[in-house]
PDBML (XML) file of the C-alpha atoms, coordinates in Angstrom:
<?xml version="1.0" encoding="UTF-8" ?>
<PDBx:datablock datablockName="MODEL"
   xmlns:PDBx="http://pdbml.pdb.org/schema/pdbx-v50.xsd"
   xmlns:xsi="http://www.w3.org/2001/XMLSchema-instance"
   xsi:schemaLocation="http://pdbml.pdb.org/schema/pdbx-v50.xsd pdbx-v50.xsd">
   <PDBx:atom_siteCategory>
      <PDBx:atom_site id="1">
         <PDBx:B_iso_or_equiv>0.00</PDBx:B_iso_or_equiv>
         <PDBx:Cartn_x>-11.101</PDBx:Cartn_x>
         <PDBx:Cartn_y>15.037</PDBx:Cartn_y>
         <PDBx:Cartn_z>47.160</PDBx:Cartn_z>
         <PDBx:auth_asym_id>A</PDBx:auth_asym_id>
         <PDBx:auth_atom_id>CA</PDBx:auth_atom_id>
         <PDBx:auth_comp_id>VAL</PDBx:auth_comp_id>
         <PDBx:auth_seq_id>1</PDBx:auth_seq_id>
         <PDBx:group_PDB>ATOM</PDBx:group_PDB>
         <PDBx:label_alt_id xsi:nil="true" />
         <PDBx:label_asym_id>A</PDBx:label_asym_id>
         <PDBx:label_atom_id>CA</PDBx:label_atom_id>
         <PDBx:label_comp_id>VAL</PDBx:label_comp_id>
         <PDBx:label_entity_id>1</PDBx:label_entity_id>
         <PDBx:label_seq_id>1</PDBx:label_seq_id>
         <PDBx:occupancy>1.00</PDBx:occupancy>
         <PDBx:pdbx_PDB_model_num>1</PDBx:pdbx_PDB_model_num>
         <PDBx:type_symbol>C</PDBx:type_symbol>
      </PDBx:atom_site>
      <PDBx:atom_site id="2">
         <PDBx:B_iso_or_equiv>0.00</PDBx:B_iso_or_equiv>
         <PDBx:Cartn_x>-13.471</PDBx:Cartn_x>
         <PDBx:Cartn_y>13.191</PDBx:Cartn_y>
         <PDBx:Cartn_z>49.489</PDBx:Cartn_z>
         <PDBx:auth_asym_id>A</PDBx:auth_asym_id>
         <PDBx:auth_atom_id>CA</PDBx:auth_atom_id>
         <PDBx:auth_comp_id>GLN</PDBx:auth_comp_id>
         <PDBx:auth_seq_id>2</PDBx:auth_seq_id>
         <PDBx:group_PDB>ATOM</PDBx:group_PDB>
         <PDBx:label_alt_id xsi:nil="true" />
         <PDBx:label_asym_id>A</PDBx:label_asym_id>
         <PDBx:label_atom_id>CA</PDBx:label_atom_id>
         <PDBx:label_comp_id>GLN</PDBx:label_comp_id>
         <PDBx:label_entity_id>1</PDBx:label_entity_id>
         <PDBx:label_seq_id>2</PDBx:label_seq_id>
         <PDBx:occupancy>1.00</PDBx:occupancy>
         <PDBx:pdbx_PDB_model_num>1</PDBx:pdbx_PDB_model_num>
         <PDBx:type_symbol>C</PDBx:type_symbol>
      </PDBx:atom_site>
      <PDBx:atom_site id="3">
         <PDBx:B_iso_or_equiv>0.00</PDBx:B_iso_or_equiv>
         <PDBx:Cartn_x>-15.933</PDBx:Cartn_x>
         <PDBx:Cartn_y>12.719</PDBx:Cartn_y>
         <PDBx:Cartn_z>46.601</PDBx:Cartn_z>
         <PDBx:auth_asym_id>A</PDBx:auth_asym_id>
         <PDBx:auth_atom_id>CA</PDBx:auth_atom_id>
         <PDBx:auth_comp_id>ILE</PDBx:auth_comp_id>
         <PDBx:auth_seq_id>3</PDBx:auth_seq_id>
         <PDBx:group_PDB>ATOM</PDBx:group_PDB>
         <PDBx:label_alt_id xsi:nil="true" />
         <PDBx:label_asym_id>A</PDBx:label_asym_id>
         <PDBx:label_atom_id>CA</PDBx:label_atom_id>
         <PDBx:label_comp_id>ILE</PDBx:label_comp_id>
         <PDBx:label_entity_id>1</PDBx:label_entity_id>
         <PDBx:label_seq_id>3</PDBx:label_seq_id>
         <PDBx:occupancy>1.00</PDBx:occupancy>
         <PDBx:pdbx_PDB_model_num>1</PDBx:pdbx_PDB_model_num>
         <PDBx:type_symbol>C</PDBx:type_symbol>
      </PDBx:atom_site>
      <PDBx:atom_site id="4">
         <PDBx:B_iso_or_equiv>0.00</PDBx:B_iso_or_equiv>
         <PDBx:Cartn_x>-13.494</PDBx:Cartn_x>
         <PDBx:Cartn_y>10.579</PDBx:Cartn_y>
         <PDBx:Cartn_z>44.663</PDBx:Cartn_z>
         <PDBx:auth_asym_id>A</PDBx:auth_asym_id>
         <PDBx:auth_atom_id>CA</PDBx:auth_atom_id>
         <PDBx:auth_comp_id>SER</PDBx:auth_comp_id>
         <PDBx:auth_seq_id>4</PDBx:auth_seq_id>
         <PDBx:group_PDB>ATOM</PDBx:group_PDB>
         <PDBx:label_alt_id xsi:nil="true" />
         <PDBx:label_asym_id>A</PDBx:label_asym_id>
         <PDBx:label_atom_id>CA</PDBx:label_atom_id>
         <PDBx:label_comp_id>SER</PDBx:label_comp_id>
         <PDBx:label_entity_id>1</PDBx:label_entity_id>
         <PDBx:label_seq_id>4</PDBx:label_seq_id>
         <PDBx:occupancy>1.00</PDBx:occupancy>
         <PDBx:pdbx_PDB_model_num>1</PDBx:pdbx_PDB_model_num>
         <PDBx:type_symbol>C</PDBx:type_symbol>
      </PDBx:atom_site>
      <PDBx:atom_site id="5">
         <PDBx:B_iso_or_equiv>0.00</PDBx:B_iso_or_equiv>
         <PDBx:Cartn_x>-12.118</PDBx:Cartn_x>
         <PDBx:Cartn_y>8.892</PDBx:Cartn_y>
         <PDBx:Cartn_z>47.762</PDBx:Cartn_z>
         <PDBx:auth_asym_id>A</PDBx:auth_asym_id>
         <PDBx:auth_atom_id>CA</PDBx:auth_atom_id>
         <PDBx:auth_comp_id>GLN</PDBx:auth_comp_id>
         <PDBx:auth_seq_id>5</PDBx:auth_seq_id>
         <PDBx:group_PDB>ATOM</PDBx:group_PDB>
         <PDBx:label_alt_id xsi:nil="true" />
         <PDBx:label_asym_id>A</PDBx:label_asym_id>
         <PDBx:label_atom_id>CA</PDBx:label_atom_id>
         <PDBx:label_comp_id>GLN</PDBx:label_comp_id>
         <PDBx:label_entity_id>1</PDBx:label_entity_id>
         <PDBx:label_seq_id>5</PDBx:label_seq_id>
         <PDBx:occupancy>1.00</PDBx:occupancy>
         <PDBx:pdbx_PDB_model_num>1</PDBx:pdbx_PDB_model_num>
         <PDBx:type_symbol>C</PDBx:type_symbol>
      </PDBx:atom_site>
      <PDBx:atom_site id="6">
         <PDBx:B_iso_or_equiv>0.00</PDBx:B_iso_or_equiv>
         <PDBx:Cartn_x>-15.503</PDBx:Cartn_x>
         <PDBx:Cartn_y>7.701</PDBx:Cartn_y>
         <PDBx:Cartn_z>49.004</PDBx:Cartn_z>
         <PDBx:auth_asym_id>A</PDBx:auth_asym_id>
         <PDBx:auth_atom_id>CA</PDBx:auth_atom_id>
         <PDBx:auth_comp_id>VAL</PDBx:auth_comp_id>
         <PDBx:auth_seq_id>6</PDBx:auth_seq_id>
         <PDBx:group_PDB>ATOM</PDBx:group_PDB>
         <PDBx:label_alt_id xsi:nil="true" />
         <PDBx:label_asym_id>A</PDBx:label_asym_id>
         <PDBx:label_atom_id>CA</PDBx:label_atom_id>
         <PDBx:label_comp_id>VAL</PDBx:label_comp_id>
         <PDBx:label_entity_id>1</PDBx:label_entity_id>
         <PDBx:label_seq_id>6</PDBx:label_seq_id>
         <PDBx:occupancy>1.00</PDBx:occupancy>
         <PDBx:pdbx_PDB_model_num>1</PDBx:pdbx_PDB_model_num>
         <PDBx:type_symbol>C</PDBx:type_symbol>
      </PDBx:atom_site>
      <PDBx:atom_site id="7">
         <PDBx:B_iso_or_equiv>0.00</PDBx:B_iso_or_equiv>
         <PDBx:Cartn_x>-16.544</PDBx:Cartn_x>
         <PDBx:Cartn_y>6.545</PDBx:Cartn_y>
         <PDBx:Cartn_z>45.523</PDBx:Cartn_z>
         <PDBx:auth_asym_id>A</PDBx:auth_asym_id>
         <PDBx:auth_atom_id>CA</PDBx:auth_atom_id>
         <PDBx:auth_comp_id>ALA</PDBx:auth_comp_id>
         <PDBx:auth_seq_id>7</PDBx:auth_seq_id>
         <PDBx:group_PDB>ATOM</PDBx:group_PDB>
         <PDBx:label_alt_id xsi:nil="true" />
         <PDBx:label_asym_id>A</PDBx:label_asym_id>
         <PDBx:label_atom_id>CA</PDBx:label_atom_id>
         <PDBx:label_comp_id>ALA</PDBx:label_comp_id>
         <PDBx:label_entity_id>1</PDBx:label_entity_id>
         <PDBx:label_seq_id>7</PDBx:label_seq_id>
         <PDBx:occupancy>1.00</PDBx:occupancy>
         <PDBx:pdbx_PDB_model_num>1</PDBx:pdbx_PDB_model_num>
         <PDBx:type_symbol>C</PDBx:type_symbol>
      </PDBx:atom_site>
      <PDBx:atom_site id="8">
         <PDBx:B_iso_or_equiv>0.00</PDBx:B_iso_or_equiv>
         <PDBx:Cartn_x>-13.370</PDBx:Cartn_x>
         <PDBx:Cartn_y>4.462</PDBx:Cartn_y>
         <PDBx:Cartn_z>45.086</PDBx:Cartn_z>
         <PDBx:auth_asym_id>A</PDBx:auth_asym_id>
         <PDBx:auth_atom_id>CA</PDBx:auth_atom_id>
         <PDBx:auth_comp_id>VAL</PDBx:auth_comp_id>
         <PDBx:auth_seq_id>8</PDBx:auth_seq_id>
         <PDBx:group_PDB>ATOM</PDBx:group_PDB>
         <PDBx:label_alt_id xsi:nil="true" />
         <PDBx:label_asym_id>A</PDBx:label_asym_id>
         <PDBx:label_atom_id>CA</PDBx:label_atom_id>
         <PDBx:label_comp_id>VAL</PDBx:label_comp_id>
         <PDBx:label_entity_id>1</PDBx:label_entity_id>
         <PDBx:label_seq_id>8</PDBx:label_seq_id>
         <PDBx:occupancy>1.00</PDBx:occupancy>
         <PDBx:pdbx_PDB_model_num>1</PDBx:pdbx_PDB_model_num>
         <PDBx:type_symbol>C</PDBx:type_symbol>
      </PDBx:atom_site>
      <PDBx:atom_site id="9">
         <PDBx:B_iso_or_equiv>0.00</PDBx:B_iso_or_equiv>
         <PDBx:Cartn_x>-13.716</PDBx:Cartn_x>
         <PDBx:Cartn_y>3.116</PDBx:Cartn_y>
         <PDBx:Cartn_z>48.635</PDBx:Cartn_z>
         <PDBx:auth_asym_id>A</PDBx:auth_asym_id>
         <PDBx:auth_atom_id>CA</PDBx:auth_atom_id>
         <PDBx:auth_comp_id>ASN</PDBx:auth_comp_id>
         <PDBx:auth_seq_id>9</PDBx:auth_seq_id>
         <PDBx:group_PDB>ATOM</PDBx:group_PDB>
         <PDBx:label_alt_id xsi:nil="true" />
         <PDBx:label_asym_id>A</PDBx:label_asym_id>
         <PDBx:label_atom_id>CA</PDBx:label_atom_id>
         <PDBx:label_comp_id>ASN</PDBx:label_comp_id>
         <PDBx:label_entity_id>1</PDBx:label_entity_id>
         <PDBx:label_seq_id>9</PDBx:label_seq_id>
         <PDBx:occupancy>1.00</PDBx:occupancy>
         <PDBx:pdbx_PDB_model_num>1</PDBx:pdbx_PDB_model_num>
         <PDBx:type_symbol>C</PDBx:type_symbol>
      </PDBx:atom_site>
      <PDBx:atom_site id="10">
         <PDBx:B_iso_or_equiv>0.00</PDBx:B_iso_or_equiv>
         <PDBx:Cartn_x>-17.232</PDBx:Cartn_x>
         <PDBx:Cartn_y>1.965</PDBx:Cartn_y>
         <PDBx:Cartn_z>47.831</PDBx:Cartn_z>
         <PDBx:auth_asym_id>A</PDBx:auth_asym_id>
         <PDBx:auth_atom_id>CA</PDBx:auth_atom_id>
         <PDBx:auth_comp_id>PHE</PDBx:auth_comp_id>
         <PDBx:auth_seq_id>10</PDBx:auth_seq_id>
         <PDBx:group_PDB>ATOM</PDBx:group_PDB>
         <PDBx:label_alt_id xsi:nil="true" />
         <PDBx:label_asym_id>A</PDBx:label_asym_id>
         <PDBx:label_atom_id>CA</PDBx:label_atom_id>
         <PDBx:label_comp_id>PHE</PDBx:label_comp_id>
         <PDBx:label_entity_id>1</PDBx:label_entity_id>
         <PDBx:label_seq_id>10</PDBx:label_seq_id>
         <PDBx:occupancy>1.00</PDBx:occupancy>
         <PDBx:pdbx_PDB_model_num>1</PDBx:pdbx_PDB_model_num>
         <PDBx:type_symbol>C</PDBx:type_symbol>
      </PDBx:atom_site>
      <PDBx:atom_site id="11">
         <PDBx:B_iso_or_equiv>0.00</PDBx:B_iso_or_equiv>
         <PDBx:Cartn_x>-16.545</PDBx:Cartn_x>
         <PDBx:Cartn_y>0.180</PDBx:Cartn_y>
         <PDBx:Cartn_z>44.537</PDBx:Cartn_z>
         <PDBx:auth_asym_id>A</PDBx:auth_asym_id>
         <PDBx:auth_atom_id>CA</PDBx:auth_atom_id>
         <PDBx:auth_comp_id>ILE</PDBx:auth_comp_id>
         <PDBx:auth_seq_id>11</PDBx:auth_seq_id>
         <PDBx:group_PDB>ATOM</PDBx:group_PDB>
         <PDBx:label_alt_id xsi:nil="true" />
         <PDBx:label_asym_id>A</PDBx:label_asym_id>
         <PDBx:label_atom_id>CA</PDBx:label_atom_id>
         <PDBx:label_comp_id>ILE</PDBx:label_comp_id>
         <PDBx:label_entity_id>1</PDBx:label_entity_id>
         <PDBx:label_seq_id>11</PDBx:label_seq_id>
         <PDBx:occupancy>1.00</PDBx:occupancy>
         <PDBx:pdbx_PDB_model_num>1</PDBx:pdbx_PDB_model_num>
         <PDBx:type_symbol>C</PDBx:type_symbol>
      </PDBx:atom_site>
      <PDBx:atom_site id="12">
         <PDBx:B_iso_or_equiv>0.00</PDBx:B_iso_or_equiv>
         <PDBx:Cartn_x>-13.259</PDBx:Cartn_x>
         <PDBx:Cartn_y>-1.289</PDBx:Cartn_y>
         <PDBx:Cartn_z>45.800</PDBx:Cartn_z>
         <PDBx:auth_asym_id>A</PDBx:auth_asym_id>
         <PDBx:auth_atom_id>CA</PDBx:auth_atom_id>
         <PDBx:auth_comp_id>ALA</PDBx:auth_comp_id>
         <PDBx:auth_seq_id>12</PDBx:auth_seq_id>
         <PDBx:group_PDB>ATOM</PDBx:group_PDB>
         <PDBx:label_alt_id xsi:nil="true" />
         <PDBx:label_asym_id>A</PDBx:label_asym_id>
         <PDBx:label_atom_id>CA</PDBx:label_atom_id>
         <PDBx:label_comp_id>ALA</PDBx:label_comp_id>
         <PDBx:label_entity_id>1</PDBx:label_entity_id>
         <PDBx:label_seq_id>12</PDBx:label_seq_id>
         <PDBx:occupancy>1.00</PDBx:occupancy>
         <PDBx:pdbx_PDB_model_num>1</PDBx:pdbx_PDB_model_num>
         <PDBx:type_symbol>C</PDBx:type_symbol>
      </PDBx:atom_site>
      <PDBx:atom_site id="13">
         <PDBx:B_iso_or_equiv>0.00</PDBx:B_iso_or_equiv>
         <PDBx:Cartn_x>-15.068</PDBx:Cartn_x>
         <PDBx:Cartn_y>-2.868</PDBx:Cartn_y>
         <PDBx:Cartn_z>48.728</PDBx:Cartn_z>
         <PDBx:auth_asym_id>A</PDBx:auth_asym_id>
         <PDBx:auth_atom_id>CA</PDBx:auth_atom_id>
         <PDBx:auth_comp_id>SER</PDBx:auth_comp_id>
         <PDBx:auth_seq_id>13</PDBx:auth_seq_id>
         <PDBx:group_PDB>ATOM</PDBx:group_PDB>
         <PDBx:label_alt_id xsi:nil="true" />
         <PDBx:label_asym_id>A</PDBx:label_asym_id>
         <PDBx:label_atom_id>CA</PDBx:label_atom_id>
         <PDBx:label_comp_id>SER</PDBx:label_comp_id>
         <PDBx:label_entity_id>1</PDBx:label_entity_id>
         <PDBx:label_seq_id>13</PDBx:label_seq_id>
         <PDBx:occupancy>1.00</PDBx:occupancy>
         <PDBx:pdbx_PDB_model_num>1</PDBx:pdbx_PDB_model_num>
         <PDBx:type_symbol>C</PDBx:type_symbol>
      </PDBx:atom_site>
      <PDBx:atom_site id="14">
         <PDBx:B_iso_or_equiv>0.00</PDBx:B_iso_or_equiv>
         <PDBx:Cartn_x>-17.755</PDBx:Cartn_x>
         <PDBx:Cartn_y>-4.366</PDBx:Cartn_y>
         <PDBx:Cartn_z>46.507</PDBx:Cartn_z>
         <PDBx:auth_asym_id>A</PDBx:auth_asym_id>
         <PDBx:auth_atom_id>CA</PDBx:auth_atom_id>
         <PDBx:auth_comp_id>MET</PDBx:auth_comp_id>
         <PDBx:auth_seq_id>14</PDBx:auth_seq_id>
         <PDBx:group_PDB>ATOM</PDBx:group_PDB>
         <PDBx:label_alt_id xsi:nil="true" />
         <PDBx:label_asym_id>A</PDBx:label_asym_id>
         <PDBx:label_atom_id>CA</PDBx:label_atom_id>
         <PDBx:label_comp_id>MET</PDBx:label_comp_id>
         <PDBx:label_entity_id>1</PDBx:label_entity_id>
         <PDBx:label_seq_id>14</PDBx:label_seq_id>
         <PDBx:occupancy>1.00</PDBx:occupancy>
         <PDBx:pdbx_PDB_model_num>1</PDBx:pdbx_PDB_model_num>
         <PDBx:type_symbol>C</PDBx:type_symbol>
      </PDBx:atom_site>
      <PDBx:atom_site id="15">
         <PDBx:B_iso_or_equiv>0.00</PDBx:B_iso_or_equiv>
         <PDBx:Cartn_x>-15.131</PDBx:Cartn_x>
         <PDBx:Cartn_y>-5.744</PDBx:Cartn_y>
         <PDBx:Cartn_z>44.139</PDBx:Cartn_z>
         <PDBx:auth_asym_id>A</PDBx:auth_asym_id>
         <PDBx:auth_atom_id>CA</PDBx:auth_atom_id>
         <PDBx:auth_comp_id>GLN</PDBx:auth_comp_id>
         <PDBx:auth_seq_id>15</PDBx:auth_seq_id>
         <PDBx:group_PDB>ATOM</PDBx:group_PDB>
         <PDBx:label_alt_id xsi:nil="true" />
         <PDBx:label_asym_id>A</PDBx:label_asym_id>
         <PDBx:label_atom_id>CA</PDBx:label_atom_id>
         <PDBx:label_comp_id>GLN</PDBx:label_comp_id>
         <PDBx:label_entity_id>1</PDBx:label_entity_id>
         <PDBx:label_seq_id>15</PDBx:label_seq_id>
         <PDBx:occupancy>1.00</PDBx:occupancy>
         <PDBx:pdbx_PDB_model_num>1</PDBx:pdbx_PDB_model_num>
         <PDBx:type_symbol>C</PDBx:type_symbol>
      </PDBx:atom_site>
      <PDBx:atom_site id="16">
         <PDBx:B_iso_or_equiv>0.00</PDBx:B_iso_or_equiv>
         <PDBx:Cartn_x>-13.037</PDBx:Cartn_x>
         <PDBx:Cartn_y>-7.197</PDBx:Cartn_y>
         <PDBx:Cartn_z>46.966</PDBx:Cartn_z>
         <PDBx:auth_asym_id>A</PDBx:auth_asym_id>
         <PDBx:auth_atom_id>CA</PDBx:auth_atom_id>
         <PDBx:auth_comp_id>TYR</PDBx:auth_comp_id>
         <PDBx:auth_seq_id>16</PDBx:auth_seq_id>
         <PDBx:group_PDB>ATOM</PDBx:group_PDB>
         <PDBx:label_alt_id xsi:nil="true" />
         <PDBx:label_asym_id>A</PDBx:label_asym_id>
         <PDBx:label_atom_id>CA</PDBx:label_atom_id>
         <PDBx:label_comp_id>TYR</PDBx:label_comp_id>
         <PDBx:label_entity_id>1</PDBx:label_entity_id>
         <PDBx:label_seq_id>16</PDBx:label_seq_id>
         <PDBx:occupancy>1.00</PDBx:occupancy>
         <PDBx:pdbx_PDB_model_num>1</PDBx:pdbx_PDB_model_num>
         <PDBx:type_symbol>C</PDBx:type_symbol>
      </PDBx:atom_site>
      <PDBx:atom_site id="17">
         <PDBx:B_iso_or_equiv>0.00</PDBx:B_iso_or_equiv>
         <PDBx:Cartn_x>-16.072</PDBx:Cartn_x>
         <PDBx:Cartn_y>-8.912</PDBx:Cartn_y>
         <PDBx:Cartn_z>48.474</PDBx:Cartn_z>
         <PDBx:auth_asym_id>A</PDBx:auth_asym_id>
         <PDBx:auth_atom_id>CA</PDBx:auth_atom_id>
         <PDBx:auth_comp_id>ASN</PDBx:auth_comp_id>
         <PDBx:auth_seq_id>17</PDBx:auth_seq_id>
         <PDBx:group_PDB>ATOM</PDBx:group_PDB>
         <PDBx:label_alt_id xsi:nil="true" />
         <PDBx:label_asym_id>A</PDBx:label_asym_id>
         <PDBx:label_atom_id>CA</PDBx:label_atom_id>
         <PDBx:label_comp_id>ASN</PDBx:label_comp_id>
         <PDBx:label_entity_id>1</PDBx:label_entity_id>
         <PDBx:label_seq_id>17</PDBx:label_seq_id>
         <PDBx:occupancy>1.00</PDBx:occupancy>
         <PDBx:pdbx_PDB_model_num>1</PDBx:pdbx_PDB_model_num>
         <PDBx:type_symbol>C</PDBx:type_symbol>
      </PDBx:atom_site>
      <PDBx:atom_site id="18">
         <PDBx:B_iso_or_equiv>0.00</PDBx:B_iso_or_equiv>
         <PDBx:Cartn_x>-17.331</PDBx:Cartn_x>
         <PDBx:Cartn_y>-10.222</PDBx:Cartn_y>
         <PDBx:Cartn_z>45.120</PDBx:Cartn_z>
         <PDBx:auth_asym_id>A</PDBx:auth_asym_id>
         <PDBx:auth_atom_id>CA</PDBx:auth_atom_id>
         <PDBx:auth_comp_id>THR</PDBx:auth_comp_id>
         <PDBx:auth_seq_id>18</PDBx:auth_seq_id>
         <PDBx:group_PDB>ATOM</PDBx:group_PDB>
         <PDBx:label_alt_id xsi:nil="true" />
         <PDBx:label_asym_id>A</PDBx:label_asym_id>
         <PDBx:label_atom_id>CA</PDBx:label_atom_id>
         <PDBx:label_comp_id>THR</PDBx:label_comp_id>
         <PDBx:label_entity_id>1</PDBx:label_entity_id>
         <PDBx:label_seq_id>18</PDBx:label_seq_id>
         <PDBx:occupancy>1.00</PDBx:occupancy>
         <PDBx:pdbx_PDB_model_num>1</PDBx:pdbx_PDB_model_num>
         <PDBx:type_symbol>C</PDBx:type_symbol>
      </PDBx:atom_site>
      <PDBx:atom_site id="19">
         <PDBx:B_iso_or_equiv>0.00</PDBx:B_iso_or_equiv>
         <PDBx:Cartn_x>-14.220</PDBx:Cartn_x>
         <PDBx:Cartn_y>-11.619</PDBx:Cartn_y>
         <PDBx:Cartn_z>43.446</PDBx:Cartn_z>
         <PDBx:auth_asym_id>A</PDBx:auth_asym_id>
         <PDBx:auth_atom_id>CA</PDBx:auth_atom_id>
         <PDBx:auth_comp_id>PHE</PDBx:auth_comp_id>
         <PDBx:auth_seq_id>19</PDBx:auth_seq_id>
         <PDBx:group_PDB>ATOM</PDBx:group_PDB>
         <PDBx:label_alt_id xsi:nil="true" />
         <PDBx:label_asym_id>A</PDBx:label_asym_id>
         <PDBx:label_atom_id>CA</PDBx:label_atom_id>
         <PDBx:label_comp_id>PHE</PDBx:label_comp_id>
         <PDBx:label_entity_id>1</PDBx:label_entity_id>
         <PDBx:label_seq_id>19</PDBx:label_seq_id>
         <PDBx:occupancy>1.00</PDBx:occupancy>
         <PDBx:pdbx_PDB_model_num>1</PDBx:pdbx_PDB_model_num>
         <PDBx:type_symbol>C</PDBx:type_symbol>
      </PDBx:atom_site>
      <PDBx:atom_site id="20">
         <PDBx:B_iso_or_equiv>0.00</PDBx:B_iso_or_equiv>
         <PDBx:Cartn_x>-12.752</PDBx:Cartn_x>
         <PDBx:Cartn_y>-14.039</PDBx:Cartn_y>
         <PDBx:Cartn_z>45.979</PDBx:Cartn_z>
         <PDBx:auth_asym_id>A</PDBx:auth_asym_id>
         <PDBx:auth_atom_id>CA</PDBx:auth_atom_id>
         <PDBx:auth_comp_id>ARG</PDBx:auth_comp_id>
         <PDBx:auth_seq_id>20</PDBx:auth_seq_id>
         <PDBx:group_PDB>ATOM</PDBx:group_PDB>
         <PDBx:label_alt_id xsi:nil="true" />
         <PDBx:label_asym_id>A</PDBx:label_asym_id>
         <PDBx:label_atom_id>CA</PDBx:label_atom_id>
         <PDBx:label_comp_id>ARG</PDBx:label_comp_id>
         <PDBx:label_entity_id>1</PDBx:label_entity_id>
         <PDBx:label_seq_id>20</PDBx:label_seq_id>
         <PDBx:occupancy>1.00</PDBx:occupancy>
         <PDBx:pdbx_PDB_model_num>1</PDBx:pdbx_PDB_model_num>
         <PDBx:type_symbol>C</PDBx:type_symbol>
      </PDBx:atom_site>
      <PDBx:atom_site id="21">
         <PDBx:B_iso_or_equiv>0.00</PDBx:B_iso_or_equiv>
         <PDBx:Cartn_x>-11.149</PDBx:Cartn_x>
         <PDBx:Cartn_y>-16.986</PDBx:Cartn_y>
         <PDBx:Cartn_z>44.191</PDBx:Cartn_z>
         <PDBx:auth_asym_id>A</PDBx:auth_asym_id>
         <PDBx:auth_atom_id>CA</PDBx:auth_atom_id>
         <PDBx:auth_comp_id>GLN</PDBx:auth_comp_id>
         <PDBx:auth_seq_id>21</PDBx:auth_seq_id>
         <PDBx:group_PDB>ATOM</PDBx:group_PDB>
         <PDBx:label_alt_id xsi:nil="true" />
         <PDBx:label_asym_id>A</PDBx:label_asym_id>
         <PDBx:label_atom_id>CA</PDBx:label_atom_id>
         <PDBx:label_comp_id>GLN</PDBx:label_comp_id>
         <PDBx:label_entity_id>1</PDBx:label_entity_id>
         <PDBx:label_seq_id>21</PDBx:label_seq_id>
         <PDBx:occupancy>1.00</PDBx:occupancy>
         <PDBx:pdbx_PDB_model_num>1</PDBx:pdbx_PDB_model_num>
         <PDBx:type_symbol>C</PDBx:type_symbol>
      </PDBx:atom_site>
      <PDBx:atom_site id="22">
         <PDBx:B_iso_or_equiv>0.00</PDBx:B_iso_or_equiv>
         <PDBx:Cartn_x>-9.324</PDBx:Cartn_x>
         <PDBx:Cartn_y>-17.269</PDBx:Cartn_y>
         <PDBx:Cartn_z>40.892</PDBx:Cartn_z>
         <PDBx:auth_asym_id>A</PDBx:auth_asym_id>
         <PDBx:auth_atom_id>CA</PDBx:auth_atom_id>
         <PDBx:auth_comp_id>ALA</PDBx:auth_comp_id>
         <PDBx:auth_seq_id>22</PDBx:auth_seq_id>
         <PDBx:group_PDB>ATOM</PDBx:group_PDB>
         <PDBx:label_alt_id xsi:nil="true" />
         <PDBx:label_asym_id>A</PDBx:label_asym_id>
         <PDBx:label_atom_id>CA</PDBx:label_atom_id>
         <PDBx:label_comp_id>ALA</PDBx:label_comp_id>
         <PDBx:label_entity_id>1</PDBx:label_entity_id>
         <PDBx:label_seq_id>22</PDBx:label_seq_id>
         <PDBx:occupancy>1.00</PDBx:occupancy>
         <PDBx:pdbx_PDB_model_num>1</PDBx:pdbx_PDB_model_num>
         <PDBx:type_symbol>C</PDBx:type_symbol>
      </PDBx:atom_site>
      <PDBx:atom_site id="23">
         <PDBx:B_iso_or_equiv>0.00</PDBx:B_iso_or_equiv>
         <PDBx:Cartn_x>-9.810</PDBx:Cartn_x>
         <PDBx:Cartn_y>-20.836</PDBx:Cartn_y>
         <PDBx:Cartn_z>39.678</PDBx:Cartn_z>
         <PDBx:auth_asym_id>A</PDBx:auth_asym_id>
         <PDBx:auth_atom_id>CA</PDBx:auth_atom_id>
         <PDBx:auth_comp_id>GLU</PDBx:auth_comp_id>
         <PDBx:auth_seq_id>23</PDBx:auth_seq_id>
         <PDBx:group_PDB>ATOM</PDBx:group_PDB>
         <PDBx:label_alt_id xsi:nil="true" />
         <PDBx:label_asym_id>A</PDBx:label_asym_id>
         <PDBx:label_atom_id>CA</PDBx:label_atom_id>
         <PDBx:label_comp_id>GLU</PDBx:label_comp_id>
         <PDBx:label_entity_id>1</PDBx:label_entity_id>
         <PDBx:label_seq_id>23</PDBx:label_seq_id>
         <PDBx:occupancy>1.00</PDBx:occupancy>
         <PDBx:pdbx_PDB_model_num>1</PDBx:pdbx_PDB_model_num>
         <PDBx:type_symbol>C</PDBx:type_symbol>
      </PDBx:atom_site>
      <PDBx:atom_site id="24">
         <PDBx:B_iso_or_equiv>0.00</PDBx:B_iso_or_equiv>
         <PDBx:Cartn_x>-9.762</PDBx:Cartn_x>
         <PDBx:Cartn_y>-22.176</PDBx:Cartn_y>
         <PDBx:Cartn_z>43.222</PDBx:Cartn_z>
         <PDBx:auth_asym_id>A</PDBx:auth_asym_id>
         <PDBx:auth_atom_id>CA</PDBx:auth_atom_id>
         <PDBx:auth_comp_id>GLY</PDBx:auth_comp_id>
         <PDBx:auth_seq_id>24</PDBx:auth_seq_id>
         <PDBx:group_PDB>ATOM</PDBx:group_PDB>
         <PDBx:label_alt_id xsi:nil="true" />
         <PDBx:label_asym_id>A</PDBx:label_asym_id>
         <PDBx:label_atom_id>CA</PDBx:label_atom_id>
         <PDBx:label_comp_id>GLY</PDBx:label_comp_id>
         <PDBx:label_entity_id>1</PDBx:label_entity_id>
         <PDBx:label_seq_id>24</PDBx:label_seq_id>
         <PDBx:occupancy>1.00</PDBx:occupancy>
         <PDBx:pdbx_PDB_model_num>1</PDBx:pdbx_PDB_model_num>
         <PDBx:type_symbol>C</PDBx:type_symbol>
      </PDBx:atom_site>
   </PDBx:atom_siteCategory>
</PDBx:datablock>
């Protein structure tokens, strides 16, 4: 299960850090 866990951790972090404000 660690394969999927690490992969989701990785893309979730990138998404969280990239999309920061919705129309202000």
